[in-house]
C-alpha cells in the first residue's frame, strides 16, 4: 500500500513526463510545418517508401497529441498513436546507426522517446490534468 506522499510523487512525476513529452511533440510537429513544410514532409515520407498521407497523420498526431499531453486530456488514449509515430521514426532512422548525432539521425532518441511514452501510457495523466467528464466516460481507464 502506498502512502499519500508516494502517490503525490508519482502524480507529479507523471505530470513532468507528459508535459515535457508534449512540448517535444509540439516542437517536432511545428518543425514539420514551419521549417520542412507540409509538402516537404510529405516528400520525405514518400522518399522512405511510405504513403504521403502518413505525413499528415504524423503532423496531426504530433501537434494534437502534444497539446493533449500538455493539457492532460485523454493521455493514455493519446499515447498509443504517439508510440506508433515514434516506432515509425525508429524504423526510419534504423539505418543511420545508434546516435542521433549521426548523419540522418540515429535511432537511440526515437527508441528512448517511445519508452518514455510507454511509461506515460502506464502512469496516466498524473497531477494537473484537465478532466473532461464526457471523455472520461467514453475512454474509461484510457482517459
Protein backbone atom coordinates (compact mmCIF):
# COMPACT_ATOMS: atom_id res chain seq x y z
CA UNK A 1 0.00 0.00 0.00
CA UNK A 2 1.40 3.40 -0.94
CA UNK A 3 1.33 6.49 1.19
CA UNK A 4 -0.08 9.82 0.07
CA UNK A 5 3.41 11.26 -0.40
CA UNK A 6 4.33 8.36 -2.71
CA UNK A 7 1.13 8.79 -4.69
CA UNK A 8 1.72 12.52 -4.97
CA UNK A 9 5.32 11.99 -6.09
CA UNK A 10 4.13 9.61 -8.80
CA UNK A 11 1.43 12.06 -9.90
CA UNK A 12 3.98 14.88 -10.15
CA UNK A 13 6.45 12.65 -11.99
CA UNK A 14 3.72 11.69 -14.50
CA UNK A 15 2.89 15.39 -14.90
CA UNK A 16 6.52 16.31 -15.64
CA UNK A 17 6.92 13.44 -18.13
CA UNK A 18 3.69 14.16 -20.00
CA UNK A 19 4.27 17.93 -20.24
CA UNK A 20 7.88 17.64 -21.39
CA UNK A 21 6.94 14.95 -23.89
CA UNK A 22 4.01 17.08 -25.07
CA UNK A 23 6.26 20.11 -25.60
CA UNK A 24 8.70 17.96 -27.57
CA UNK A 25 5.88 16.61 -29.76
CA UNK A 26 4.62 20.15 -30.41
CA UNK A 27 8.15 21.22 -31.37
CA UNK A 28 8.58 18.28 -33.75
CA UNK A 29 5.16 18.80 -35.34
CA UNK A 30 5.72 22.53 -35.72
CA UNK A 31 9.15 21.87 -37.27
CA UNK A 32 7.47 19.72 -39.93
CA UNK A 33 5.00 22.54 -40.68
CA UNK A 34 7.18 25.65 -40.41
CA UNK A 35 10.67 24.52 -41.45
CA UNK A 36 10.36 21.37 -43.54
CA UNK A 37 6.89 22.49 -44.76
CA UNK A 38 4.00 20.13 -45.20
CA UNK A 39 4.84 19.38 -48.86
CA UNK A 40 8.47 18.78 -47.86
CA UNK A 41 7.41 16.42 -45.09
CA UNK A 42 5.12 14.55 -47.48
CA UNK A 43 8.01 14.24 -49.96
CA UNK A 44 10.31 12.93 -47.22
CA UNK A 45 7.79 10.27 -46.18
CA UNK A 46 7.37 9.25 -49.81
CA UNK A 47 11.18 9.03 -50.20
CA UNK A 48 11.10 6.44 -47.42
CA UNK A 49 8.55 4.43 -49.39
CA UNK A 50 5.66 5.45 -47.14
CA UNK A 51 2.38 6.88 -48.38
CA UNK A 52 2.45 10.68 -48.29
CA UNK A 53 -0.77 10.58 -46.25
CA UNK A 54 1.28 9.28 -43.30
CA UNK A 55 2.99 12.69 -43.12
CA UNK A 56 -0.35 14.37 -42.45
CA UNK A 57 -1.23 11.79 -39.80
CA UNK A 58 2.16 12.26 -38.16
CA UNK A 59 1.85 16.05 -38.08
CA UNK A 60 -1.66 15.77 -36.65
CA UNK A 61 -0.50 13.24 -34.04
CA UNK A 62 2.46 15.38 -33.00
CA UNK A 63 0.58 18.68 -32.78
CA UNK A 64 -2.72 17.35 -31.41
CA UNK A 65 -1.10 14.72 -29.24
CA UNK A 66 1.43 17.19 -27.88
CA UNK A 67 -1.32 19.60 -26.90
CA UNK A 68 -3.39 16.80 -25.34
CA UNK A 69 -0.38 15.66 -23.29
CA UNK A 70 0.33 19.18 -22.05
CA UNK A 71 -3.30 19.65 -21.02
CA UNK A 72 -3.58 16.12 -19.64
CA UNK A 73 -6.57 15.23 -21.82
CA UNK A 74 -7.01 11.56 -22.78
CA UNK A 75 -3.36 10.91 -22.02
CA UNK A 76 -3.44 7.12 -22.19
CA UNK A 77 -5.51 7.08 -25.38
CA UNK A 78 -3.26 9.71 -26.99
CA UNK A 79 -0.11 7.81 -26.02
CA UNK A 80 -0.97 4.82 -28.20
CA UNK A 81 -0.82 6.58 -31.59
CA UNK A 82 2.16 8.63 -30.41
CA UNK A 83 4.04 5.41 -29.66
CA UNK A 84 3.17 4.26 -33.19
CA UNK A 85 4.61 7.53 -34.59
CA UNK A 86 7.78 7.02 -32.55
CA UNK A 87 8.15 3.41 -33.70
CA UNK A 88 7.81 4.69 -37.28
CA UNK A 89 10.54 7.22 -36.56
CA UNK A 90 12.67 4.45 -35.08
CA UNK A 91 12.20 2.44 -38.29
CA UNK A 92 13.10 5.47 -40.43
CA UNK A 93 16.35 6.02 -38.50
CA UNK A 94 17.46 2.38 -38.09
CA UNK A 95 19.95 2.54 -40.96
CA UNK A 96 21.67 5.62 -39.57
CA UNK A 97 23.37 4.00 -36.60
CA UNK A 98 22.86 4.35 -32.88
CA UNK A 99 23.38 8.03 -32.01
CA UNK A 100 21.04 10.76 -33.16
CA UNK A 101 24.07 12.95 -33.98
CA UNK A 102 24.87 10.63 -36.92
CA UNK A 103 24.09 11.81 -40.42
CA UNK A 104 20.33 11.46 -40.87
CA UNK A 105 19.88 10.94 -37.12
CA UNK A 106 20.35 7.63 -35.35
CA UNK A 107 17.75 5.52 -33.65
CA UNK A 108 18.51 5.91 -29.94
CA UNK A 109 16.37 9.05 -29.50
CA UNK A 110 13.18 7.63 -31.08
CA UNK A 111 13.64 4.43 -29.06
CA UNK A 112 14.14 6.36 -25.80
CA UNK A 113 11.15 8.60 -26.52
CA UNK A 114 8.96 5.58 -27.36
CA UNK A 115 9.89 4.08 -23.98
CA UNK A 116 9.12 7.37 -22.21
CA UNK A 117 5.76 7.49 -23.98
CA UNK A 118 5.11 3.91 -22.85
CA UNK A 119 5.77 4.97 -19.26
CA UNK A 120 3.30 7.83 -19.73
CA UNK A 121 0.77 5.30 -21.03
CA UNK A 122 1.26 3.21 -17.89
CA UNK A 123 1.23 6.12 -15.41
CA UNK A 124 -1.62 8.11 -16.88
CA UNK A 125 -2.06 11.87 -16.69
CA UNK A 126 -0.83 12.49 -13.16
CA UNK A 127 -1.23 15.87 -11.48
CA UNK A 128 -2.74 18.98 -13.03
CA UNK A 129 -4.63 17.14 -15.78
CA UNK A 130 -7.67 18.65 -17.43
CA UNK A 131 -10.50 16.22 -16.76
CA UNK A 132 -13.35 16.15 -19.26
CA UNK A 133 -16.17 14.02 -17.82
CA UNK A 134 -17.56 13.13 -21.25
CA UNK A 135 -14.14 11.95 -22.38
CA UNK A 136 -13.67 10.03 -19.14
CA UNK A 137 -16.96 8.19 -19.80
CA UNK A 138 -16.00 7.38 -23.39
CA UNK A 139 -12.40 6.35 -22.78
CA UNK A 140 -12.75 4.89 -19.30
CA UNK A 141 -9.33 3.90 -17.97
CA UNK A 142 -7.68 5.25 -21.12
CA UNK A 143 -8.70 8.85 -20.34
